[in-house]
Structure formats: C-alpha cells, structure tokens
Protein backbone atom coordinates (compact mmCIF):
# COMPACT_ATOMS: atom_id res chain seq x y z
CA UNK A 1 -7.56 -13.22 17.81
CA UNK A 2 -4.78 -11.17 17.41
CA UNK A 3 -2.22 -12.95 15.33
CA UNK A 4 1.06 -13.01 17.33
CA UNK A 5 3.24 -14.57 15.08
CA UNK A 6 5.30 -13.77 11.83
CA UNK A 7 4.82 -16.02 8.38
CA UNK A 8 6.37 -16.54 5.33
CA UNK A 9 5.05 -19.28 2.93
CA UNK A 10 5.98 -20.24 0.07
CA UNK A 11 3.14 -21.42 -2.85
CA UNK A 12 3.03 -23.38 -5.72
CA UNK A 13 0.42 -23.69 -8.83
CA UNK A 14 0.46 -24.92 -12.08
CA UNK A 15 -1.22 -24.77 -15.92
CA UNK A 16 -1.47 -27.03 -18.48
CA UNK A 17 -2.89 -25.87 -22.30
CA UNK A 18 -3.34 -22.02 -20.75
CA UNK A 19 -2.58 -19.49 -20.18
CA UNK A 20 -2.50 -18.29 -16.83
CA UNK A 21 -1.64 -14.10 -16.76
CA UNK A 22 -1.82 -12.62 -19.93
CA UNK A 23 -0.35 -8.87 -20.02
CA UNK A 24 -3.38 -6.83 -22.16
CA UNK A 25 -0.71 -4.53 -23.07
CA UNK A 26 1.30 -7.07 -24.70
CA UNK A 27 -2.15 -8.64 -27.56
CA UNK A 28 -3.14 -10.70 -24.00
CA UNK A 29 0.73 -12.82 -24.13
CA UNK A 30 1.67 -15.34 -20.79
CA UNK A 31 4.00 -12.54 -19.02
CA UNK A 32 6.94 -13.70 -19.45
CA UNK A 33 10.76 -12.60 -18.84
CA UNK A 34 12.29 -11.66 -21.46
CA UNK A 35 15.95 -11.46 -20.47
CA UNK A 36 15.23 -16.04 -18.89
CA UNK A 37 12.26 -17.30 -20.74
CA UNK A 38 10.73 -18.27 -17.26
CA UNK A 39 7.61 -17.28 -16.32
CA UNK A 40 5.47 -14.37 -14.73
CA UNK A 41 2.03 -14.41 -13.32
CA UNK A 42 1.62 -10.91 -10.94
CA UNK A 43 0.91 -10.10 -7.69
CA UNK A 44 -1.89 -8.49 -8.76
CA UNK A 45 -2.98 -11.66 -9.97
CA UNK A 46 -3.28 -13.86 -7.05
CA UNK A 47 -4.41 -11.41 -4.65
CA UNK A 48 -7.81 -10.86 -7.98
CA UNK A 49 -8.25 -14.60 -6.68
CA UNK A 50 -7.45 -14.49 -3.29
CA UNK A 51 -10.87 -11.59 -3.46
CA UNK A 52 -13.21 -13.32 -5.48
CA UNK A 53 -12.76 -16.63 -3.75
CA UNK A 54 -13.98 -14.49 -0.36
CA UNK A 55 -16.32 -12.85 -2.12
CA UNK A 56 -17.91 -16.14 -3.36
CA UNK A 57 -17.27 -17.83 0.19
CA UNK A 58 -19.28 -14.59 1.99
CA UNK A 59 -21.76 -13.67 -0.09
CA UNK A 60 -19.82 -10.20 0.46
CA UNK A 61 -21.07 -9.47 3.79
CA UNK A 62 -19.32 -7.95 6.37
CA UNK A 63 -16.28 -7.83 7.47
CA UNK A 64 -15.87 -9.56 4.21
CA UNK A 65 -17.15 -7.70 1.98
CA UNK A 66 -14.57 -7.19 -1.15
CA UNK A 67 -13.16 -3.72 -1.65
CA UNK A 68 -11.92 -3.65 -5.27
CA UNK A 69 -14.17 -5.64 -7.35
CA UNK A 70 -15.49 -5.36 -10.95
CA UNK A 71 -17.60 -1.81 -11.50
CA UNK A 72 -16.70 -0.67 -7.94
CA UNK A 73 -16.78 2.57 -7.89
CA UNK A 74 -14.07 3.65 -4.84
CA UNK A 75 -15.36 6.55 -3.51
CA UNK A 76 -18.79 5.72 -3.01
CA UNK A 77 -17.00 2.82 -0.60
CA UNK A 78 -15.58 5.81 1.16
CA UNK A 79 -18.81 7.63 1.67
CA UNK A 80 -20.48 4.89 3.86
CA UNK A 81 -17.13 5.05 6.31
CA UNK A 82 -18.55 8.67 6.89
CA UNK A 83 -22.59 8.07 6.85
CA UNK A 84 -21.46 5.15 8.78
CA UNK A 85 -19.35 6.92 11.60
CA UNK A 86 -22.08 10.34 11.02
CA UNK A 87 -18.64 12.86 9.75
CA UNK A 88 -19.99 15.20 7.50
CA UNK A 89 -19.71 14.41 3.61
CA UNK A 90 -19.32 18.65 2.80
CA UNK A 91 -15.80 20.41 2.03
CA UNK A 92 -15.01 24.26 1.62
CA UNK A 93 -12.43 22.66 -1.54
CA UNK A 94 -15.25 20.14 -2.50
CA UNK A 95 -12.68 17.39 -0.86
CA UNK A 96 -14.12 15.02 1.83
CA UNK A 97 -10.20 15.08 3.83
CA UNK A 98 -11.75 13.73 6.81
CA UNK A 99 -10.24 15.88 9.37
CA UNK A 100 -9.24 14.50 12.79
CA UNK A 101 -11.51 11.54 11.69
CA UNK A 102 -9.50 9.85 9.36
CA UNK A 103 -8.50 6.89 11.91
CA UNK A 104 -11.65 5.52 12.55
CA UNK A 105 -12.61 5.84 8.89
CA UNK A 106 -9.00 3.69 8.45
CA UNK A 107 -10.77 1.46 11.19
CA UNK A 108 -14.34 1.04 9.34
CA UNK A 109 -13.12 0.65 6.17
CA UNK A 110 -10.59 -2.78 7.94
CA UNK A 111 -13.16 -3.87 10.21
CA UNK A 112 -15.84 -4.12 6.73
CA UNK A 113 -13.24 -4.96 3.70
CA UNK A 114 -11.72 -7.84 3.98
CA UNK A 115 -9.38 -7.26 1.77
CA UNK A 116 -8.18 -3.88 3.10
CA UNK A 117 -7.32 -5.42 6.16
CA UNK A 118 -5.43 -8.07 4.75
CA UNK A 119 -3.77 -7.14 1.56
CA UNK A 120 -3.89 -3.09 2.06
CA UNK A 121 -5.30 0.14 0.14
CA UNK A 122 -4.23 3.84 -0.66
CA UNK A 123 -7.39 5.21 0.26
CA UNK A 124 -6.69 8.63 0.62
CA UNK A 125 -8.35 10.26 -2.77
CA UNK A 126 -11.00 12.53 -3.05
CA UNK A 127 -13.19 10.66 -0.06
CA UNK A 128 -10.24 10.65 2.31
CA UNK A 129 -10.38 7.04 4.70
CA UNK A 130 -6.41 6.91 5.12
CA UNK A 131 -4.50 4.16 3.53
CA UNK A 132 -3.22 0.88 5.35
CA UNK A 133 -0.32 -1.49 4.89
CA UNK A 134 -1.81 -5.06 5.00
CA UNK A 135 -0.21 -7.66 6.88
CA UNK A 136 -0.48 -10.20 3.88
CA UNK A 137 2.38 -9.63 0.73
CA UNK A 138 3.02 -11.46 -2.63
CA UNK A 139 5.23 -11.69 -4.48
CA UNK A 140 5.16 -12.43 -8.37
CA UNK A 141 5.54 -15.53 -9.65
CA UNK A 142 7.67 -16.92 -11.52
CA UNK A 143 8.75 -20.53 -13.46
CA UNK A 144 10.30 -22.72 -11.98
CA UNK A 145 11.68 -23.58 -16.14
CA UNK A 146 11.42 -22.20 -18.93
CA UNK A 147 8.15 -22.04 -20.45
CA UNK A 148 7.62 -21.08 -24.37
CA UNK A 149 4.08 -19.61 -25.46
CA UNK A 150 2.06 -20.74 -28.35
CA UNK A 151 -0.18 -19.58 -30.85
CA UNK A 152 -3.26 -21.11 -32.07
CA UNK A 153 -5.73 -20.05 -34.57
CA UNK A 154 -9.75 -20.11 -33.66
CA UNK A 155 -12.57 -20.01 -35.66
CA UNK A 156 -15.89 -19.40 -34.71
CA UNK A 157 -18.98 -20.18 -36.45
CA UNK A 158 -20.90 -16.89 -36.20
CA UNK A 159 -20.42 -13.47 -36.94
CA UNK A 160 -20.72 -10.44 -35.13
CA UNK A 161 -22.97 -8.03 -37.28
CA UNK A 162 -25.08 -8.31 -41.45
CA UNK A 163 -22.69 -6.50 -42.83
CA UNK A 164 -19.89 -8.99 -41.84
CA UNK A 165 -22.91 -11.88 -42.56
CA UNK A 166 -22.96 -10.60 -46.09
CA UNK A 167 -19.19 -9.79 -47.02
CA UNK A 168 -18.50 -13.32 -46.45
CA UNK A 169 -21.90 -14.44 -48.66
CA UNK A 170 -23.38 -16.66 -45.60
CA UNK A 171 -19.86 -18.21 -44.96
CA UNK A 172 -20.22 -16.63 -41.32
CA UNK A 173 -17.02 -17.58 -40.06
CA UNK A 174 -14.43 -15.12 -37.55
CA UNK A 175 -10.96 -15.84 -37.17
CA UNK A 176 -9.52 -15.50 -34.07
CA UNK A 177 -5.52 -15.91 -32.08
CA UNK A 178 -5.30 -17.60 -28.62
CA UNK A 179 -1.78 -18.04 -26.40
CA UNK A 180 -1.06 -21.06 -23.86
CA UNK A 181 1.49 -22.25 -21.95
CA UNK A 182 2.10 -26.16 -22.66
CA UNK A 183 3.22 -26.66 -19.01
CA UNK A 184 4.54 -24.39 -16.10
CA UNK A 185 4.85 -24.71 -12.51
CA UNK A 186 5.66 -21.22 -10.17
CA UNK A 187 6.90 -20.36 -7.29
CA UNK A 188 5.42 -17.26 -5.86
CA UNK A 189 6.59 -15.70 -1.72
CA UNK A 190 4.65 -14.90 0.83
CA UNK A 191 5.04 -13.08 3.70
CA UNK A 192 2.82 -11.52 6.79
CA UNK A 193 3.56 -9.92 9.72
CA UNK A 194 2.36 -9.92 13.02
CA UNK A 195 2.59 -5.71 13.87
CA UNK A 196 0.79 -5.09 11.01
CA UNK A 197 -2.50 -7.60 11.09
CA UNK A 198 -3.26 -5.92 14.62
CA UNK A 199 -2.39 -2.00 13.19
CA UNK A 200 -5.39 -3.74 10.02
CA UNK A 201 -7.07 -5.77 12.69
CA UNK A 202 -6.23 -9.19 10.48
CA UNK A 203 -7.16 -12.13 12.71
CA UNK A 204 -6.47 -15.39 12.74
CA UNK A 205 -10.13 -16.54 11.17
CA UNK A 206 -8.95 -14.07 8.70
CA UNK A 207 -5.92 -16.28 7.55
CA UNK A 208 -7.97 -19.31 8.47
CA UNK A 209 -9.77 -18.13 5.63
CA UNK A 210 -6.80 -16.72 3.27
CA UNK A 211 -5.50 -20.46 3.73
CA UNK A 212 -8.76 -21.76 2.33
CA UNK A 213 -8.51 -19.16 -0.76
CA UNK A 214 -5.26 -20.40 -1.73
CA UNK A 215 -6.17 -23.64 -2.07
CA UNK A 216 -9.80 -23.47 -3.04
CA UNK A 217 -8.58 -20.60 -5.94
CA UNK A 218 -8.89 -22.28 -8.99
CA UNK A 219 -12.06 -24.56 -8.56
CA UNK A 220 -13.87 -21.00 -8.65
CA UNK A 221 -12.32 -19.62 -11.84
CA UNK A 222 -11.84 -22.16 -14.73
CA UNK A 223 -12.48 -20.06 -18.08
CA UNK A 224 -11.01 -21.58 -21.28
CA UNK A 225 -8.91 -18.90 -21.40
CA UNK A 226 -6.98 -20.13 -18.16
CA UNK A 227 -6.86 -23.99 -19.64
CA UNK A 228 -5.84 -25.86 -16.52
CA UNK A 229 -4.39 -24.60 -13.16
CA UNK A 230 -4.10 -26.06 -10.23
CA UNK A 231 -2.49 -25.44 -6.64
CA UNK A 232 0.33 -27.91 -5.96
CA UNK A 233 1.73 -26.78 -2.22
CA UNK A 234 2.21 -24.79 0.44
CA UNK A 235 4.60 -24.91 2.83
CA UNK A 236 4.29 -21.89 5.92
CA UNK A 237 7.50 -21.78 8.13
CA UNK A 238 5.35 -20.78 11.51
CA UNK A 239 7.86 -18.66 13.32
CA UNK A 240 7.30 -18.60 17.23
CA UNK A 241 7.44 -14.28 18.02
CA UNK A 242 6.19 -11.45 15.83
CA UNK A 243 9.08 -10.21 14.43
CA UNK A 244 10.33 -13.64 13.92
CA UNK A 245 12.75 -15.83 14.05
CA UNK A 246 15.00 -16.19 10.87
CA UNK A 247 15.69 -14.15 7.87
CA UNK A 248 12.89 -15.14 4.59
CA UNK A 249 15.86 -16.25 2.03
CA UNK A 250 17.43 -18.52 4.75
CA UNK A 251 13.92 -20.57 5.07
CA UNK A 252 12.57 -20.19 1.26
CA UNK A 253 16.17 -22.14 0.84
CA UNK A 254 14.99 -24.52 2.36
CA UNK A 255 12.73 -26.00 -0.60
CA UNK A 256 13.26 -27.07 -3.68
CA UNK A 257 12.16 -27.92 -6.29
CA UNK A 258 14.27 -29.88 -9.26
CA UNK A 259 12.62 -31.28 -12.46
CA UNK A 260 12.10 -35.44 -11.64
CA UNK A 261 15.36 -36.91 -13.86
CA UNK A 262 13.48 -40.60 -14.54
CA UNK A 263 11.64 -38.40 -16.30
CA UNK A 264 12.57 -37.38 -20.76
CA UNK A 265 11.13 -34.48 -22.11
CA UNK A 266 9.84 -31.36 -21.55
CA UNK A 267 8.24 -31.27 -18.33
CA UNK A 268 4.63 -31.56 -19.15
CA UNK A 269 2.93 -32.31 -15.34
CA UNK A 270 3.14 -31.10 -12.36
CA UNK A 271 4.53 -35.17 -10.97
CA UNK A 272 7.94 -34.29 -13.74
CA UNK A 273 8.76 -32.44 -10.65
CA UNK A 274 10.22 -33.39 -7.23
CA UNK A 275 9.46 -31.02 -4.23
CA UNK A 276 11.51 -31.49 -0.97
CA UNK A 277 11.90 -29.53 2.69
CA UNK A 278 15.73 -30.13 4.04
CA UNK A 279 15.62 -33.21 1.34
CA UNK A 280 12.18 -34.12 2.32
CA UNK A 281 9.64 -35.25 -0.66
CA UNK A 282 6.33 -33.23 0.29
CA UNK A 283 3.50 -34.88 0.02
CA UNK A 284 -0.07 -33.50 0.26
CA UNK A 285 -1.33 -29.62 0.25
CA UNK A 286 -0.33 -27.66 2.91
CA UNK A 287 2.97 -28.27 4.92
CA UNK A 288 2.88 -26.74 8.24
CA UNK A 289 6.81 -25.45 9.15
CA UNK A 290 7.10 -23.94 12.96
CA UNK A 291 10.36 -21.91 13.03
C-alpha cells in the first residue's frame, strides 16, 4: 500500500562504555562537537545499521536486497538492471547512459533494493541508472548532554609475526588503545515524505520494516568497540495528509529529555533521564502521535 501520510519522528539511543561512531580521520575517536562537547552519531551510521538489519531479516532477496553493502560493486548492480530490462549495455564512448530508459532503470533499482527506495541513491555513474531522492532522511544524532571520551590501554597476549616474537624474546605482547564514552544518550530526528515514497514505491510494509529496524537493529550489531548500545524511545508524529499539518520543529519541541534531578553525579543510565511528551512521561519504546 502506498503511503498517504507524512511522518516525523524522534529517535533516542544510548551507549554505555562504548564508541557509538568512531571517526576514522581522528584515530577512531568518538565523534564530538568541538564547541559544545556533545557526542555525535552520523546519519550514515544509523542508515548502515538499518541496512544491515533488513539484510539479515530478509536474506538479501528482492525486493529487500541492499544496494550499499560491504564489498559491493555499484556498477555491477546497475548492470543487472540493464540486463533484466534487455537494454543495450554498450555505448560509443564506453559509457552506459541509459538514454530514454533511465526512468525504467531507476524504477527497477527501487523495486529490488530496499535502501534505494528508502534512502535514495545517486546512480549516475558510468553505468547510469539515474538518481533517486529517498523518502526517509535522518539528522545526525546528538547527545543530550556533553560526553567525555576515555582512552584505555589494552594488551593482546600474542604477536603477529615471528620477528616481533624474537624482538620481545618470547614475551609476545601487543599493546593497543581503545576509546569509549562512559554513557551518552543521543537524540536523532527523522523525516518521511509521502510524495517521495510514491515516487520510489516505498510502501506501508516497508515503513513497518523500517520501524522494526529502529527497534531491533542494535541487537544484531554487537561488538566490543561499541559497548552496550540500546534503542530507548521512538516518538512518531503521524500527519493526516501527504504534505503534513504542522512544521516538524513545532512537533519536536513537544518532546523534552531532561536529567532526573533526584539523581546526583554524571548520567550513567537511561533511568537518569525523564522523557516527556506534552509534559507527560513516556513509557515503552514506541509512541504514535496523530497530528
């Protein structure tokens, strides 16, 4: 079924003793706003976890294949569309431009790949399948309070090469570093456009799978580096029309996340915060609000 309503949502996720989203250009340090000290998780990181969950639950079968995934060759994915639609892959200049068939190629990619029809994709490469604007978009997740990154020395009781063992005279130790945040509660905003969903054939069934992904994706993304990450709250604002009834910022302002005043010291658990909607405390993971 086609989406006939606009949605805006707030997503709360926390981390304990872990690195929720390291920056590879900064030695994999947790991402932090240098001016405020608030922690950050990129939208790309959140989308990656949604992709991974859908791939696991749907077995990478159409219409739930994943376009952007580990070791993928994107032009090879595009060539599959040409072959499925019997469109000539050759071109005088060595490029497959698609010509008048770009719309068909784009639709084939949307029909087969969940992340293309959900998040969109720029597929105007050497093998051209057009460009898709996805109906679902995230902001960066930003921590409610400033966070402090801790650095830890770690030891591996083994070495990689025989030369290292000889240099250490059999001690065989490898030292390393690990960065964690003791605790951080992060808040992300999301937007779902009904008109764009119609264009990409993003359905109500896809939307249900997306909500399921937000609730469960951290359960299948465990690693020692990320510590203990949990999806804590999802507040969904459902409009009554495709274009929406109110600006997103007015809706988001109705949800407050505040430190629990009766708990002293730095926050170390989700229970140290109170989440309210229009002044009423929220319980349970998902809350649906009609606008």
